[in-house]
Amino acid sequence: MAAAAKNKGKGKSPAKARSPLMIDGLSKEEMSEEQMEEHVARLQKELERAKKERNYSQLERDKMYSLMENTQREIEKVKAEQKNTNERMEEDERSHRAKIKEGNYHTCDPPQVYKQKVKHVLCEHQNLMSELEAKAAASAEATQKEQEVIEAEIRAEKEAITVDLQDVESEKLALEIELQKHNEEVTKVKDIGKQQHADVLAKYEEKMVLTPQELENIRKTQISERQQYWDNQMAALKDEHSRAVTEWDVVIARIKQDADLNLSLKAQIKDLKMKQRENKTEVTQVLLENKYFDEALSKLEKKITETEKKTKTFISEMFSGNTVEQMRTQTLEDLKSKTEALEQEVWKLEQQRDELQRTLNQKLQEVQQEGNEKILPLENEVKTLSERLETTQAQVASATSASNADPAALDDLLKDVEEQLDTANNTIRMLQMEKAERSEAREDFPSFGAKLGAPGVAEEDLVRSVEGLTPPKNKGKGKKPAKARSPVLINGLTKEEMSKEQMEDHAAQLREELDREREERNYFQLERDKMYSFMEIARRELEEVKAELRITDKVIEENERRHQCELKVYKQKVKHVLCEHQNLMSELEAKAAASAEATQKEQEVIEAEIRAEKEAITVDLQDVESEKLALEILLNTVEQMRTQTLEDLKSKTEALEQEVWKLEQQRDELQRTLNQKLQEVQQEGNEKILPLENEVKTLSERLETTQAQVASATSASNADPAALDDLLKDVEEQLDTANNTIRMLQMEKAERSEAREDLQMFVSRPKPAIAKEEFVRSVESLT
C-alpha cells in the first residue's frame, strides 16, 4: 500500500524544469557515437522489460476481474440454496404436524396405528401358512407321481438295453465265425500261392539244368563229327605226303639226270611263291573277321550275364522275405522320418518362442522405463500447479485483508478466483487420470507377458499389442537452431547510418515511451491492489453466509433426530411381531425341508442304483462295440492284405514269366546266331582248305610229271654231272620250301580247329561260371 501511495503521489506531482541530461556522468555533447549507441540499446532493453511488466500487470487485472465475477455468481447461488433449504425445512415441519393431526383426527394415537398394522401382518402370516401346507402336500404328490413315471421309463430303457446287448452278442458271434472262415481261406490261399511258387521255381530250375546239358551234348556230337572229319583229312594228307616223299626220293635220284627242266621248275616255283603271298593276305583277312566276330560274341555274353544277374536279384527280392514285413518296415521308416521332421519343426518353433519372449521382455522393460520417465514430469506438473494454487490463495487472502472494496467487485473477484481453482482442479484430475492409465498399462504388462506361453497367440498379435502398449514419442521437443539476427532498423536506418543527432532524438523518444510504460504499470498495480482488497471482503462475506448455512443444517439435523427417536419405538414393536412371524415361518420351512430332504434322499438312492445299473450296461455296450469295431478293422485289414498279396503275387509271377520268356527268346536268338556264325566259320575254313588241297593235288601231279620228265630226260641224254648236281640242289631247296609251306598250313588248320572247339566250349558253358580271365584267354586264343 505504501508503494502504491508513493506511485500515486508521483503521478500527481507537477512537472519540474528539466536539468541537462547526464548519461554515465557525461552530457549529450561529450558522448561519442559508440556510447550513444550503447545507451540507446540499453534504453530499448529497459523499454521492452517495462512493456512486459505492464502486460503482466494488465493480465493480472483481467484475471482478478474474472475471478470477482465468478465469486459473485457463486455467492448468488449460495444465497439461493439457503432460501431453498429454509423453504424445505418449513415444508417438512408442516408435513410432520399434518401426520400427527391425522392420527388425532382418527381418534387413535400413532401406537394404535402400528397395532392395526401388526394384526394385519398376523392375518397375512396365517394365510401364508395355510397356503404353504397345501403347496407342500401337492408337491409331495407331484414328486411321487414323477418318481413313478421315471422308474417306469428307466425300466423300459433297461429292457431295451438288454435286448440291444443280446443283439450285439449275436452279431459278435457271427463276426467271430466269419473271422474263422476268413482265416481258413487266407491259409488256403497262402498254401496255394506257395505251391505255385515252388512249382514255378522247380520248373525253371529244371529248364536251367536241362538246357545247358542239351547244348553240351549237341556241342560234343558236333565236335566229335568235326574231329573225325579232320582226322580223316589229316590221315589222307599224311599218306599223300609220305607217298610224295617216297616219290621225291625216286625223283631226286633221277633229277641228277635232268638238267634241262631247271628253268621250267624255277618258273613254277615263282608261281607258287606268288600264290603263297596271296594265301597269306587271305589269312590276315580271315583273322580280322575272327576279331570282329569275337567282339560281337563278347558283347552278347555281357548282355546275357547282365540279364541273368537281373533275374537272379529279382527272384531273390521276390522270394527272400514276406512282403507284409517289408511294407511294415517301410511304413515304420516313413513314420520315423516324419516324427524326426516334426521334432525339428517343434524345436524351431520353441526357439522362435524363446526369442519372442526375450524381445518382449526387453520391450516391456523399455515401455516401463518410458512410462516412468513420462509419469515423473506429470507429477512435477501436479506439484507446481498445487504450489501455484497455494500462492494464488495466499495472494487473494492478502488482498482481501489489505483493502476494503465494493461487494459486487469482490463477488466478481471471488468468482474469478474460484473459476481458476476449478480449472486447476480439472487439470489436476486430468493428470491423475493419465497417471492411473499409465499405472494400469504397467500392471497389464505381466499379464501380456504371460500370453507368450499360450499356444494360440500369434506373433503378429503380440507385436501389435506391444505397439499398442508403447506410448507415442514426443515430437518437436528438440530446440530449434538459433536464427541469425537481422540488423536493427531505426526509422528505416541502421545504427551505422544514423548520425549523432538522430541517435539523441531516438534516445529521447525511448525515454518518453519508458516513462509512459512505467506510469501504466503503476496504474495497473494500483488496480490490482484494489482487486485484492475486494477479494478479501468477498471472502469474508462468503464465510459468514457459509456459517449461517451450517447453523441451519444443524437445526435440520436436530429435528430429524427427534423424529427418528419417535419412529424407532414403534419400529421396534413391529420388528418384534415380524420376528415371531419369521420364527414360525422358519419352523414350517424346516419341517418342509426335512420332509423334502427325506424324499429327495430316497429318490437319490433309487436314482443312484438305476444310474449304476445303466452305467454298467453302457460300459458293457461300449466294450462290445469296441470289440466289434476291432473285429471289423481286423477283417478289413486282413482282406486288404490278402488282396494286396494276391495282386503282388500275380504281378510278380506275370513279370517273372515275361522275363523268362524274354530270356528264352534271347537264348534262342544267341544260339541261332552262334550256330550261324559257326557254320559261316566252317564254310570259310572249308572254302580256304579246298584250294589248299587242290594246290597240293596239283603239286603232286606236277611232281609226278616232273619225275616222268626227269626219267625220260635221264634216259634220253647223258648230261654233265656238275650241272646235274646244281639242278638237284635247286630242286631240293624248292621241295624244302614247299614242305615248309605245307607244314605252316597244317599248323594254321590245327589252330583254327582248336579255336572252333574253344568257341563251342565257351558257348556251351553256363554263363555265370565263366570268369573274366578265362573269357580274355579264350578271346586271345581265338585271335
Foldseek 3Di string as FASTA:
>chain_A
DVVLVVLVVVVPDDDDDDDFDADPNHGLVPDDLVVLVVLLVVLVVLLVVLLVLLVVLVVLLVLLLQQLQALLVVVVVLVVVLVVLVVVLVVVVVVVVVVQVVCVVVVHGVLVVLVVVLVVVVVVLVVVVVVVVVVLVVVVVVVVVVLVVVVVVLVVVVVVLVVVLVVLVVVVVVLVVVVVVLVVVLVVVVVVLVVVVVVVVVVVVVVVVVVLVVLVVVLVVVLVVVVVVVVVVVVVVVVVVVVLVVLVVLLLVLLLLPLPCLVVVVVVLVVVVVVLVVLVVVVVVLLVVLLVVLVVVVVLLVVLVVLVVVLVVLVCVVPVDDVVVVVVVVVVVVVVVVVVVVVVVVVVVVVVLVVLLVVLVVLLVVLLVVLVVVLVVLVVVLVVLVVVLVVVVVLLQCLQVPAAADLSSLSSSNGSNVVVVVVSVVSNVVSVVVNVVSVVLNVCSVVLSVCSPPPVDDPVNNVVVSVVSRDDDDPDPDDDDDDDDDFDADPNHGSVPDDSVVSVVSSVVSVVSSVVSVSSSSVSVVSSSNSSNSNSVSVVVVVVSVVVVVVSVVVSVVVVVVVVVVVVVSVVVSVVSVVVSVVVVVVVVVVSVVVVVVVVVVSVVVVVVSVVVVVVSVVSVVVSVVVVVVSVVVVVVSVVVSVVVVVVSVVSVVVSVVSVVVSVVSLVVVVVVVVVVLVVLVVVVVVSVVVVVVVVVVVSVVSVVSSVVSNVSSVVDRDDSVSSVVSSVVVVVSVVVVVVSVVVVVVVVVLSSVLSSLVSVVSSDDSVVDDPVNSVVSSVSSD
